[in-house]
Amino acid sequence: QHLMQGHYEKPPYTENTIRSVYHIRNLEIFRLKQLTGNIDI
């Protein structure tokens, strides 16, 4: 439910944002898919 949202959370967190703040977002997935070459780890 949070994958396609922006990084909108900020402290002080609410009962919801204190959890959604550590949910991954599609921006980071998209960026990592642009990498080429070997990734060791």
PDB file of all heavy atoms in Angstrom:
ATOM      1  N   GLN A   1       0.805  -1.214   0.000  1.00  0.00           N
ATOM      2  CA  GLN A   1       0.000   0.000   0.000  1.00  0.00           C
ATOM      3  C   GLN A   1       0.844   1.274   0.000  1.00  0.00           C
ATOM      4  O   GLN A   1       0.335   2.355  -0.290  1.00  0.00           O
ATOM      5  CB  GLN A   1      -0.961   0.023   1.195  1.00  0.00           C
ATOM      6  CG  GLN A   1      -0.309   0.126   2.564  1.00  0.00           C
ATOM      7  CD  GLN A   1      -0.049  -1.221   3.194  1.00  0.00           C
ATOM      8  OE1 GLN A   1       0.254  -2.194   2.480  1.00  0.00           O
ATOM      9  NE2 GLN A   1      -0.181  -1.302   4.512  1.00  0.00           N
ATOM     10  N   HIS A   2       2.139   1.154   0.315  1.00  0.00           N
ATOM     11  CA  HIS A   2       2.991   2.338   0.365  1.00  0.00           C
ATOM     12  C   HIS A   2       4.060   2.353  -0.729  1.00  0.00           C
ATOM     13  O   HIS A   2       4.806   3.329  -0.843  1.00  0.00           O
ATOM     14  CB  HIS A   2       3.674   2.446   1.727  1.00  0.00           C
ATOM     15  CG  HIS A   2       2.710   2.638   2.854  1.00  0.00           C
ATOM     16  ND1 HIS A   2       2.690   1.808   3.964  1.00  0.00           N
ATOM     17  CD2 HIS A   2       1.716   3.533   3.030  1.00  0.00           C
ATOM     18  CE1 HIS A   2       1.733   2.204   4.782  1.00  0.00           C
ATOM     19  NE2 HIS A   2       1.124   3.239   4.243  1.00  0.00           N
ATOM     20  N   LEU A   3       4.135   1.298  -1.518  1.00  0.00           N
ATOM     21  CA  LEU A   3       5.217   1.171  -2.495  1.00  0.00           C
ATOM     22  C   LEU A   3       5.274   2.346  -3.464  1.00  0.00           C
ATOM     23  O   LEU A   3       6.357   2.835  -3.801  1.00  0.00           O
ATOM     24  CB  LEU A   3       5.062  -0.142  -3.279  1.00  0.00           C
ATOM     25  CG  LEU A   3       6.108  -0.410  -4.364  1.00  0.00           C
ATOM     26  CD1 LEU A   3       7.490  -0.581  -3.749  1.00  0.00           C
ATOM     27  CD2 LEU A   3       5.732  -1.631  -5.194  1.00  0.00           C
ATOM     28  N   MET A   4       4.126   2.841  -3.906  1.00  0.00           N
ATOM     29  CA  MET A   4       4.102   3.855  -4.960  1.00  0.00           C
ATOM     30  C   MET A   4       3.919   5.273  -4.416  1.00  0.00           C
ATOM     31  O   MET A   4       3.632   6.199  -5.171  1.00  0.00           O
ATOM     32  CB  MET A   4       3.013   3.527  -5.978  1.00  0.00           C
ATOM     33  CG  MET A   4       3.237   2.198  -6.669  1.00  0.00           C
ATOM     34  SD  MET A   4       2.008   1.806  -7.930  1.00  0.00           S
ATOM     35  CE  MET A   4       2.422   3.034  -9.175  1.00  0.00           C
ATOM     36  N   GLN A   5       4.095   5.434  -3.121  1.00  0.00           N
ATOM     37  CA  GLN A   5       4.004   6.764  -2.541  1.00  0.00           C
ATOM     38  C   GLN A   5       5.368   7.426  -2.462  1.00  0.00           C
ATOM     39  O   GLN A   5       6.400   6.780  -2.606  1.00  0.00           O
ATOM     40  CB  GLN A   5       3.383   6.680  -1.139  1.00  0.00           C
ATOM     41  CG  GLN A   5       1.924   6.231  -1.142  1.00  0.00           C
ATOM     42  CD  GLN A   5       1.333   6.176   0.247  1.00  0.00           C
ATOM     43  OE1 GLN A   5       1.998   5.780   1.195  1.00  0.00           O
ATOM     44  NE2 GLN A   5       0.079   6.579   0.374  1.00  0.00           N
ATOM     45  N   GLY A   6       5.360   8.737  -2.230  1.00  0.00           N
ATOM     46  CA  GLY A   6       6.604   9.446  -2.021  1.00  0.00           C
ATOM     47  C   GLY A   6       7.070   9.316  -0.585  1.00  0.00           C
ATOM     48  O   GLY A   6       6.404   8.716   0.261  1.00  0.00           O
ATOM     49  N   HIS A   7       8.222   9.895  -0.296  1.00  0.00           N
ATOM     50  CA  HIS A   7       8.761   9.890   1.061  1.00  0.00           C
ATOM     51  C   HIS A   7       8.168  11.075   1.820  1.00  0.00           C
ATOM     52  O   HIS A   7       8.830  12.090   2.043  1.00  0.00           O
ATOM     53  CB  HIS A   7      10.286   9.972   1.027  1.00  0.00           C
ATOM     54  CG  HIS A   7      10.948   8.747   0.475  1.00  0.00           C
ATOM     55  ND1 HIS A   7      11.045   7.572   1.179  1.00  0.00           N
ATOM     56  CD2 HIS A   7      11.547   8.514  -0.727  1.00  0.00           C
ATOM     57  CE1 HIS A   7      11.690   6.662   0.450  1.00  0.00           C
ATOM     58  NE2 HIS A   7      11.995   7.210  -0.716  1.00  0.00           N
ATOM     59  N   TYR A   8       6.928  10.941   2.230  1.00  0.00           N
ATOM     60  CA  TYR A   8       6.182  12.057   2.801  1.00  0.00           C
ATOM     61  C   TYR A   8       6.260  12.128   4.319  1.00  0.00           C
ATOM     62  O   TYR A   8       5.907  13.147   4.917  1.00  0.00           O
ATOM     63  CB  TYR A   8       4.709  11.960   2.391  1.00  0.00           C
ATOM     64  CG  TYR A   8       3.968  10.781   2.979  1.00  0.00           C
ATOM     65  CD1 TYR A   8       3.284  10.886   4.182  1.00  0.00           C
ATOM     66  CD2 TYR A   8       3.969   9.534   2.336  1.00  0.00           C
ATOM     67  CE1 TYR A   8       2.608   9.797   4.730  1.00  0.00           C
ATOM     68  CE2 TYR A   8       3.309   8.448   2.879  1.00  0.00           C
ATOM     69  CZ  TYR A   8       2.632   8.585   4.067  1.00  0.00           C
ATOM     70  OH  TYR A   8       1.986   7.501   4.614  1.00  0.00           O
ATOM     71  N   GLU A   9       6.722  11.076   4.976  1.00  0.00           N
ATOM     72  CA  GLU A   9       6.713  11.045   6.432  1.00  0.00           C
ATOM     73  C   GLU A   9       7.790  11.970   7.010  1.00  0.00           C
ATOM     74  O   GLU A   9       8.858  12.149   6.417  1.00  0.00           O
ATOM     75  CB  GLU A   9       6.965   9.624   6.943  1.00  0.00           C
ATOM     76  CG  GLU A   9       5.950   8.592   6.464  1.00  0.00           C
ATOM     77  CD  GLU A   9       6.330   7.932   5.149  1.00  0.00           C
ATOM     78  OE1 GLU A   9       7.294   8.412   4.502  1.00  0.00           O
ATOM     79  OE2 GLU A   9       5.683   6.948   4.775  1.00  0.00           O
ATOM     80  N   LYS A  10       7.502  12.531   8.160  1.00  0.00           N
ATOM     81  CA  LYS A  10       8.496  13.329   8.860  1.00  0.00           C
ATOM     82  C   LYS A  10       8.176  13.329  10.355  1.00  0.00           C
ATOM     83  O   LYS A  10       7.019  13.224  10.752  1.00  0.00           O
ATOM     84  CB  LYS A  10       8.534  14.766   8.327  1.00  0.00           C
ATOM     85  CG  LYS A  10       7.260  15.566   8.509  1.00  0.00           C
ATOM     86  CD  LYS A  10       7.396  16.932   7.885  1.00  0.00           C
ATOM     87  CE  LYS A  10       6.111  17.746   8.044  1.00  0.00           C
ATOM     88  NZ  LYS A  10       5.832  18.075   9.446  1.00  0.00           N
ATOM     89  N   PRO A  11       9.215  13.425  11.178  1.00  0.00           N
ATOM     90  CA  PRO A  11       8.969  13.489  12.617  1.00  0.00           C
ATOM     91  C   PRO A  11       8.402  14.859  13.007  1.00  0.00           C
ATOM     92  O   PRO A  11       8.702  15.855  12.336  1.00  0.00           O
ATOM     93  CB  PRO A  11      10.376  13.294  13.210  1.00  0.00           C
ATOM     94  CG  PRO A  11      11.318  13.728  12.126  1.00  0.00           C
ATOM     95  CD  PRO A  11      10.640  13.400  10.831  1.00  0.00           C
ATOM     96  N   PRO A  12       7.594  14.902  14.086  1.00  0.00           N
ATOM     97  CA  PRO A  12       7.147  13.768  14.906  1.00  0.00           C
ATOM     98  C   PRO A  12       6.157  12.890  14.144  1.00  0.00           C
ATOM     99  O   PRO A  12       5.258  13.401  13.475  1.00  0.00           O
ATOM    100  CB  PRO A  12       6.487  14.439  16.110  1.00  0.00           C
ATOM    101  CG  PRO A  12       6.051  15.780  15.616  1.00  0.00           C
ATOM    102  CD  PRO A  12       7.065  16.186  14.592  1.00  0.00           C
ATOM    103  N   TYR A  13       6.329  11.588  14.229  1.00  0.00           N
ATOM    104  CA  TYR A  13       5.529  10.655  13.454  1.00  0.00           C
ATOM    105  C   TYR A  13       4.173  10.414  14.110  1.00  0.00           C
ATOM    106  O   TYR A  13       4.006  10.549  15.318  1.00  0.00           O
ATOM    107  CB  TYR A  13       6.262   9.315  13.312  1.00  0.00           C
ATOM    108  CG  TYR A  13       7.603   9.429  12.640  1.00  0.00           C
ATOM    109  CD1 TYR A  13       8.782   9.158  13.340  1.00  0.00           C
ATOM    110  CD2 TYR A  13       7.710   9.796  11.311  1.00  0.00           C
ATOM    111  CE1 TYR A  13      10.015   9.257  12.726  1.00  0.00           C
ATOM    112  CE2 TYR A  13       8.942   9.901  10.691  1.00  0.00           C
ATOM    113  CZ  TYR A  13      10.092   9.628  11.401  1.00  0.00           C
ATOM    114  OH  TYR A  13      11.322   9.736  10.804  1.00  0.00           O
ATOM    115  N   THR A  14       3.219  10.047  13.282  1.00  0.00           N
ATOM    116  CA  THR A  14       1.917   9.609  13.785  1.00  0.00           C
ATOM    117  C   THR A  14       1.966   8.091  13.994  1.00  0.00           C
ATOM    118  O   THR A  14       2.965   7.431  13.677  1.00  0.00           O
ATOM    119  CB  THR A  14       0.809   9.945  12.791  1.00  0.00           C
ATOM    120  OG1 THR A  14       0.980   9.147  11.603  1.00  0.00           O
ATOM    121  CG2 THR A  14       0.834  11.421  12.408  1.00  0.00           C
ATOM    122  N   GLU A  15       0.877   7.545  14.477  1.00  0.00           N
ATOM    123  CA  GLU A  15       0.810   6.102  14.678  1.00  0.00           C
ATOM    124  C   GLU A  15       0.982   5.356  13.357  1.00  0.00           C
ATOM    125  O   GLU A  15       1.496   4.226  13.340  1.00  0.00           O
ATOM    126  CB  GLU A  15      -0.534   5.737  15.314  1.00  0.00           C
ATOM    127  CG  GLU A  15      -0.660   4.275  15.698  1.00  0.00           C
ATOM    128  CD  GLU A  15      -1.963   3.962  16.416  1.00  0.00           C
ATOM    129  OE1 GLU A  15      -2.634   4.922  16.867  1.00  0.00           O
ATOM    130  OE2 GLU A  15      -2.302   2.774  16.520  1.00  0.00           O
ATOM    131  N   ASN A  16       0.586   5.982  12.260  1.00  0.00           N
ATOM    132  CA  ASN A  16       0.735   5.355  10.945  1.00  0.00           C
ATOM    133  C   ASN A  16       2.100   5.628  10.326  1.00  0.00           C
ATOM    134  O   ASN A  16       2.760   4.709   9.822  1.00  0.00           O
ATOM    135  CB  ASN A  16      -0.361   5.838  10.001  1.00  0.00           C
ATOM    136  CG  ASN A  16      -1.731   5.346  10.405  1.00  0.00           C
ATOM    137  OD1 ASN A  16      -1.878   4.232  10.897  1.00  0.00           O
ATOM    138  ND2 ASN A  16      -2.748   6.167  10.216  1.00  0.00           N
ATOM    139  N   THR A  17       2.551   6.867  10.344  1.00  0.00           N
ATOM    140  CA  THR A  17       3.800   7.199   9.645  1.00  0.00           C
ATOM    141  C   THR A  17       5.030   6.641  10.337  1.00  0.00           C
ATOM    142  O   THR A  17       6.071   6.475   9.704  1.00  0.00           O
ATOM    143  CB  THR A  17       3.954   8.715   9.473  1.00  0.00           C
ATOM    144  OG1 THR A  17       3.968   9.352  10.764  1.00  0.00           O
ATOM    145  CG2 THR A  17       2.831   9.284   8.625  1.00  0.00           C
ATOM    146  N   ILE A  18       4.927   6.334  11.625  1.00  0.00           N
ATOM    147  CA  ILE A  18       6.082   5.741  12.308  1.00  0.00           C
ATOM    148  C   ILE A  18       6.395   4.365  11.734  1.00  0.00           C
ATOM    149  O   ILE A  18       7.509   3.849  11.887  1.00  0.00           O
ATOM    150  CB  ILE A  18       5.820   5.656  13.831  1.00  0.00           C
ATOM    151  CG1 ILE A  18       7.143   5.460  14.585  1.00  0.00           C
ATOM    152  CG2 ILE A  18       4.839   4.521  14.161  1.00  0.00           C
ATOM    153  CD1 ILE A  18       7.001   5.551  16.087  1.00  0.00           C
ATOM    154  N   ARG A  19       5.417   3.766  11.026  1.00  0.00           N
ATOM    155  CA  ARG A  19       5.634   2.491  10.342  1.00  0.00           C
ATOM    156  C   ARG A  19       5.847   2.673   8.841  1.00  0.00           C
ATOM    157  O   ARG A  19       6.747   2.068   8.268  1.00  0.00           O
ATOM    158  CB  ARG A  19       4.455   1.547  10.610  1.00  0.00           C
ATOM    159  CG  ARG A  19       4.405   1.072  12.048  1.00  0.00           C
ATOM    160  CD  ARG A  19       3.139   0.309  12.381  1.00  0.00           C
ATOM    161  NE  ARG A  19       3.221  -0.238  13.735  1.00  0.00           N
ATOM    162  CZ  ARG A  19       2.995   0.473  14.834  1.00  0.00           C
ATOM    163  NH1 ARG A  19       2.629   1.743  14.732  1.00  0.00           N
ATOM    164  NH2 ARG A  19       3.114  -0.082  16.027  1.00  0.00           N
ATOM    165  N   SER A  20       5.043   3.485   8.218  1.00  0.00           N
ATOM    166  CA  SER A  20       5.186   3.637   6.765  1.00  0.00           C
ATOM    167  C   SER A  20       6.523   4.253   6.380  1.00  0.00           C
ATOM    168  O   SER A  20       6.997   4.063   5.258  1.00  0.00           O
ATOM    169  CB  SER A  20       4.038   4.485   6.197  1.00  0.00           C
ATOM    170  OG  SER A  20       4.080   5.816   6.688  1.00  0.00           O
ATOM    171  N   VAL A  21       7.170   4.982   7.298  1.00  0.00           N
ATOM    172  CA  VAL A  21       8.435   5.631   6.972  1.00  0.00           C
ATOM    173  C   VAL A  21       9.513   4.623   6.591  1.00  0.00           C
ATOM    174  O   VAL A  21      10.429   4.944   5.830  1.00  0.00           O
ATOM    175  CB  VAL A  21       8.908   6.509   8.159  1.00  0.00           C
ATOM    176  CG1 VAL A  21       9.281   5.661   9.365  1.00  0.00           C
ATOM    177  CG2 VAL A  21      10.051   7.421   7.752  1.00  0.00           C
ATOM    178  N   TYR A  22       9.420   3.387   7.075  1.00  0.00           N
ATOM    179  CA  TYR A  22      10.437   2.392   6.710  1.00  0.00           C
ATOM    180  C   TYR A  22       9.947   1.410   5.641  1.00  0.00           C
ATOM    181  O   TYR A  22      10.583   0.378   5.414  1.00  0.00           O
ATOM    182  CB  TYR A  22      10.940   1.633   7.949  1.00  0.00           C
ATOM    183  CG  TYR A  22       9.890   0.954   8.796  1.00  0.00           C
ATOM    184  CD1 TYR A  22       9.222  -0.181   8.350  1.00  0.00           C
ATOM    185  CD2 TYR A  22       9.605   1.419  10.083  1.00  0.00           C
ATOM    186  CE1 TYR A  22       8.284  -0.826   9.145  1.00  0.00           C
ATOM    187  CE2 TYR A  22       8.666   0.783  10.891  1.00  0.00           C
ATOM    188  CZ  TYR A  22       8.012  -0.332  10.415  1.00  0.00           C
ATOM    189  OH  TYR A  22       7.076  -0.973  11.200  1.00  0.00           O
ATOM    190  N   HIS A  23       8.869   1.735   4.971  1.00  0.00           N
ATOM    191  CA  HIS A  23       8.416   0.894   3.855  1.00  0.00           C
ATOM    192  C   HIS A  23       9.075   1.345   2.559  1.00  0.00           C
ATOM    193  O   HIS A  23       9.177   2.543   2.291  1.00  0.00           O
ATOM    194  CB  HIS A  23       6.888   0.961   3.731  1.00  0.00           C
ATOM    195  CG  HIS A  23       6.172   0.368   4.907  1.00  0.00           C
ATOM    196  ND1 HIS A  23       4.855   0.635   5.202  1.00  0.00           N
ATOM    197  CD2 HIS A  23       6.601  -0.500   5.871  1.00  0.00           C
ATOM    198  CE1 HIS A  23       4.498  -0.017   6.288  1.00  0.00           C
ATOM    199  NE2 HIS A  23       5.542  -0.722   6.706  1.00  0.00           N
ATOM    200  N   ILE A  24       9.519   0.389   1.769  1.00  0.00           N
ATOM    201  CA  ILE A  24      10.263   0.715   0.551  1.00  0.00           C
ATOM    202  C   ILE A  24       9.361   1.404  -0.461  1.00  0.00           C
ATOM    203  O   ILE A  24       8.140   1.233  -0.452  1.00  0.00           O
ATOM    204  CB  ILE A  24      10.916  -0.533  -0.069  1.00  0.00           C
ATOM    205  CG1 ILE A  24       9.852  -1.538  -0.531  1.00  0.00           C
ATOM    206  CG2 ILE A  24      11.875  -1.187   0.916  1.00  0.00           C
ATOM    207  CD1 ILE A  24      10.419  -2.711  -1.299  1.00  0.00           C
ATOM    208  N   ARG A  25       9.969   2.173  -1.368  1.00  0.00           N
ATOM    209  CA  ARG A  25       9.242   2.940  -2.371  1.00  0.00           C
ATOM    210  C   ARG A  25       9.708   2.557  -3.778  1.00  0.00           C
ATOM    211  O   ARG A  25      10.842   2.128  -3.994  1.00  0.00           O
ATOM    212  CB  ARG A  25       9.450   4.447  -2.165  1.00  0.00           C
ATOM    213  CG  ARG A  25       9.014   4.981  -0.804  1.00  0.00           C
ATOM    214  CD  ARG A  25       7.553   4.665  -0.500  1.00  0.00           C
ATOM    215  NE  ARG A  25       6.940   5.609   0.406  1.00  0.00           N
ATOM    216  CZ  ARG A  25       6.793   5.444   1.719  1.00  0.00           C
ATOM    217  NH1 ARG A  25       7.272   4.355   2.296  1.00  0.00           N
ATOM    218  NH2 ARG A  25       6.184   6.357   2.459  1.00  0.00           N
ATOM    219  N   ASN A  26       8.809   2.775  -4.729  1.00  0.00           N
ATOM    220  CA  ASN A  26       9.129   2.403  -6.110  1.00  0.00           C
ATOM    221  C   ASN A  26      10.270   3.227  -6.688  1.00  0.00           C
ATOM    222  O   ASN A  26      10.948   2.795  -7.614  1.00  0.00           O
ATOM    223  CB  ASN A  26       7.889   2.494  -7.001  1.00  0.00           C
ATOM    224  CG  ASN A  26       7.281   3.889  -7.057  1.00  0.00           C
ATOM    225  OD1 ASN A  26       7.585   4.752  -6.233  1.00  0.00           O
ATOM    226  ND2 ASN A  26       6.384   4.112  -8.004  1.00  0.00           N
ATOM    227  N   LEU A  27      10.522   4.432  -6.166  1.00  0.00           N
ATOM    228  CA  LEU A  27      11.628   5.243  -6.673  1.00  0.00           C
ATOM    229  C   LEU A  27      12.949   4.517  -6.495  1.00  0.00           C
ATOM    230  O   LEU A  27      13.774   4.463  -7.426  1.00  0.00           O
ATOM    231  CB  LEU A  27      11.663   6.592  -5.941  1.00  0.00           C
ATOM    232  CG  LEU A  27      12.872   7.480  -6.258  1.00  0.00           C
ATOM    233  CD1 LEU A  27      12.909   7.841  -7.741  1.00  0.00           C
ATOM    234  CD2 LEU A  27      12.865   8.736  -5.396  1.00  0.00           C
ATOM    235  N   GLU A  28      13.170   3.947  -5.305  1.00  0.00           N
ATOM    236  CA  GLU A  28      14.436   3.254  -5.062  1.00  0.00           C
ATOM    237  C   GLU A  28      14.548   1.980  -5.905  1.00  0.00           C
ATOM    238  O   GLU A  28      15.633   1.641  -6.399  1.00  0.00           O
ATOM    239  CB  GLU A  28      14.585   2.913  -3.583  1.00  0.00           C
ATOM    240  CG  GLU A  28      15.061   4.071  -2.724  1.00  0.00           C
ATOM    241  CD  GLU A  28      14.046   5.192  -2.597  1.00  0.00           C
ATOM    242  OE1 GLU A  28      12.863   4.892  -2.305  1.00  0.00           O
ATOM    243  OE2 GLU A  28      14.418   6.374  -2.784  1.00  0.00           O
ATOM    244  N   ILE A  29      13.435   1.281  -6.095  1.00  0.00           N
ATOM    245  CA  ILE A  29      13.459   0.087  -6.951  1.00  0.00           C
ATOM    246  C   ILE A  29      13.800   0.485  -8.385  1.00  0.00           C
ATOM    247  O   ILE A  29      14.638  -0.145  -9.054  1.00  0.00           O
ATOM    248  CB  ILE A  29      12.095  -0.642  -6.924  1.00  0.00           C
ATOM    249  CG1 ILE A  29      11.710  -1.017  -5.484  1.00  0.00           C
ATOM    250  CG2 ILE A  29      12.134  -1.884  -7.801  1.00  0.00           C
ATOM    251  CD1 ILE A  29      12.680  -1.923  -4.790  1.00  0.00           C
ATOM    252  N   PHE A  30      13.168   1.546  -8.861  1.00  0.00           N
ATOM    253  CA  PHE A  30      13.423   2.041 -10.216  1.00  0.00           C
ATOM    254  C   PHE A  30      14.883   2.428 -10.387  1.00  0.00           C
ATOM    255  O   PHE A  30      15.523   2.083 -11.406  1.00  0.00           O
ATOM    256  CB  PHE A  30      12.510   3.240 -10.487  1.00  0.00           C
ATOM    257  CG  PHE A  30      12.649   3.844 -11.854  1.00  0.00           C
ATOM    258  CD1 PHE A  30      12.016   3.276 -12.954  1.00  0.00           C
ATOM    259  CD2 PHE A  30      13.420   4.985 -12.043  1.00  0.00           C
ATOM    260  CE1 PHE A  30      12.156   3.832 -14.226  1.00  0.00           C
ATOM    261  CE2 PHE A  30      13.566   5.545 -13.302  1.00  0.00           C
ATOM    262  CZ  PHE A  30      12.926   4.969 -14.399  1.00  0.00           C
ATOM    263  N   ARG A  31      15.427   3.129  -9.411  1.00  0.00           N
ATOM    264  CA  ARG A  31      16.820   3.556  -9.512  1.00  0.00           C
ATOM    265  C   ARG A  31      17.769   2.365  -9.518  1.00  0.00           C
ATOM    266  O   ARG A  31      18.732   2.330 -10.297  1.00  0.00           O
ATOM    267  CB  ARG A  31      17.158   4.489  -8.344  1.00  0.00           C
ATOM    268  CG  ARG A  31      16.616   5.902  -8.512  1.00  0.00           C
ATOM    269  CD  ARG A  31      16.771   6.742  -7.263  1.00  0.00           C
ATOM    270  NE  ARG A  31      16.613   8.164  -7.557  1.00  0.00           N
ATOM    271  CZ  ARG A  31      16.498   9.116  -6.645  1.00  0.00           C
ATOM    272  NH1 ARG A  31      16.507   8.785  -5.353  1.00  0.00           N
ATOM    273  NH2 ARG A  31      16.368  10.378  -6.999  1.00  0.00           N
ATOM    274  N   LEU A  32      17.518   1.390  -8.658  1.00  0.00           N
ATOM    275  CA  LEU A  32      18.400   0.220  -8.610  1.00  0.00           C
ATOM    276  C   LEU A  32      18.353  -0.585  -9.896  1.00  0.00           C
ATOM    277  O   LEU A  32      19.332  -1.238 -10.263  1.00  0.00           O
ATOM    278  CB  LEU A  32      18.028  -0.665  -7.418  1.00  0.00           C
ATOM    279  CG  LEU A  32      18.402  -0.101  -6.036  1.00  0.00           C
ATOM    280  CD1 LEU A  32      17.700  -0.878  -4.918  1.00  0.00           C
ATOM    281  CD2 LEU A  32      19.922  -0.135  -5.823  1.00  0.00           C
ATOM    282  N   LYS A  33      17.230  -0.520 -10.606  1.00  0.00           N
ATOM    283  CA  LYS A  33      17.126  -1.239 -11.878  1.00  0.00           C
ATOM    284  C   LYS A  33      17.915  -0.569 -12.999  1.00  0.00           C
ATOM    285  O   LYS A  33      18.097  -1.166 -14.066  1.00  0.00           O
ATOM    286  CB  LYS A  33      15.657  -1.378 -12.288  1.00  0.00           C
ATOM    287  CG  LYS A  33      14.899  -2.434 -11.507  1.00  0.00           C
ATOM    288  CD  LYS A  33      13.490  -2.613 -12.032  1.00  0.00           C
ATOM    289  CE  LYS A  33      12.761  -3.742 -11.326  1.00  0.00           C
ATOM    290  NZ  LYS A  33      11.377  -3.916 -11.828  1.00  0.00           N
ATOM    291  N   GLN A  34      18.362   0.651 -12.793  1.00  0.00           N
ATOM    292  CA  GLN A  34      19.150   1.332 -13.822  1.00  0.00           C
ATOM    293  C   GLN A  34      20.617   0.917 -13.798  1.00  0.00           C
ATOM    294  O   GLN A  34      21.370   1.240 -14.716  1.00  0.00           O
ATOM    295  CB  GLN A  34      19.056   2.855 -13.651  1.00  0.00           C
ATOM    296  CG  GLN A  34      17.653   3.410 -13.489  1.00  0.00           C
ATOM    297  CD  GLN A  34      16.712   2.996 -14.600  1.00  0.00           C
ATOM    298  OE1 GLN A  34      17.038   3.119 -15.790  1.00  0.00           O
ATOM    299  NE2 GLN A  34      15.543   2.496 -14.222  1.00  0.00           N
ATOM    300  N   LEU A  35      21.016   0.197 -12.742  1.00  0.00           N
ATOM    301  CA  LEU A  35      22.413  -0.209 -12.608  1.00  0.00           C
ATOM    302  C   LEU A  35      22.793  -1.248 -13.664  1.00  0.00           C
ATOM    303  O   LEU A  35      21.968  -2.077 -14.066  1.00  0.00           O
ATOM    304  CB  LEU A  35      22.669  -0.794 -11.227  1.00  0.00           C
ATOM    305  CG  LEU A  35      22.606   0.161 -10.040  1.00  0.00           C
ATOM    306  CD1 LEU A  35      22.574  -0.629  -8.735  1.00  0.00           C
ATOM    307  CD2 LEU A  35      23.789   1.125 -10.043  1.00  0.00           C
ATOM    308  N   THR A  36      24.027  -1.206 -14.083  1.00  0.00           N
ATOM    309  CA  THR A  36      24.582  -2.228 -14.972  1.00  0.00           C
ATOM    310  C   THR A  36      25.824  -2.818 -14.313  1.00  0.00           C
ATOM    311  O   THR A  36      26.292  -2.338 -13.284  1.00  0.00           O
ATOM    312  CB  THR A  36      24.960  -1.629 -16.337  1.00  0.00           C
ATOM    313  OG1 THR A  36      25.971  -0.626 -16.142  1.00  0.00           O
ATOM    314  CG2 THR A  36      23.749  -1.000 -17.019  1.00  0.00           C
ATOM    315  N   GLY A  37      26.358  -3.850 -14.923  1.00  0.00           N
ATOM    316  CA  GLY A  37      27.570  -4.444 -14.389  1.00  0.00           C
ATOM    317  C   GLY A  37      27.288  -5.349 -13.211  1.00  0.00           C
ATOM    318  O   GLY A  37      26.158  -5.463 -12.719  1.00  0.00           O
ATOM    319  N   ASN A  38      28.324  -5.983 -12.732  1.00  0.00           N
ATOM    320  CA  ASN A  38      28.186  -6.971 -11.672  1.00  0.00           C
ATOM    321  C   ASN A  38      28.032  -6.300 -10.313  1.00  0.00           C
ATOM    322  O   ASN A  38      28.703  -5.316  -9.999  1.00  0.00           O
ATOM    323  CB  ASN A  38      29.406  -7.893 -11.639  1.00  0.00           C
ATOM    324  CG  ASN A  38      29.266  -8.984 -10.595  1.00  0.00           C
ATOM    325  OD1 ASN A  38      28.308  -9.752 -10.624  1.00  0.00           O
ATOM    326  ND2 ASN A  38      30.211  -9.058  -9.673  1.00  0.00           N
ATOM    327  N   ILE A  39      27.132  -6.831  -9.517  1.00  0.00           N
ATOM    328  CA  ILE A  39      26.997  -6.435  -8.120  1.00  0.00           C
ATOM    329  C   ILE A  39      27.491  -7.603  -7.275  1.00  0.00           C
ATOM    330  O   ILE A  39      26.968  -8.709  -7.389  1.00  0.00           O
ATOM    331  CB  ILE A  39      25.540  -6.088  -7.764  1.00  0.00           C
ATOM    332  CG1 ILE A  39      25.062  -4.890  -8.594  1.00  0.00           C
ATOM    333  CG2 ILE A  39      25.400  -5.799  -6.279  1.00  0.00           C
ATOM    334  CD1 ILE A  39      23.587  -4.590  -8.442  1.00  0.00           C
ATOM    335  N   ASP A  40      28.486  -7.359  -6.467  1.00  0.00           N
ATOM    336  CA  ASP A  40      29.068  -8.446  -5.678  1.00  0.00           C
ATOM    337  C   ASP A  40      28.181  -8.838  -4.509  1.00  0.00           C
ATOM    338  O   ASP A  40      27.973 -10.025  -4.246  1.00  0.00           O
ATOM    339  CB  ASP A  40      30.457  -8.034  -5.169  1.00  0.00           C
ATOM    340  CG  ASP A  40      31.433  -7.803  -6.300  1.00  0.00           C
ATOM    341  OD1 ASP A  40      31.711  -8.755  -7.042  1.00  0.00           O
ATOM    342  OD2 ASP A  40      31.900  -6.657  -6.461  1.00  0.00           O
ATOM    343  N   ILE A  41      27.678  -7.833  -3.792  1.00  0.00           N
ATOM    344  CA  ILE A  41      26.861  -8.089  -2.605  1.00  0.00           C
ATOM    345  C   ILE A  41      25.632  -7.185  -2.644  1.00  0.00           C
ATOM    346  O   ILE A  41      25.753  -5.979  -2.865  1.00  0.00           O
ATOM    347  CB  ILE A  41      27.645  -7.817  -1.310  1.00  0.00           C
ATOM    348  CG1 ILE A  41      28.819  -8.796  -1.178  1.00  0.00           C
ATOM    349  CG2 ILE A  41      26.742  -7.903  -0.085  1.00  0.00           C
ATOM    350  CD1 ILE A  41      29.746  -8.481  -0.018  1.00  0.00           C
TER     351      ILE A  41
END
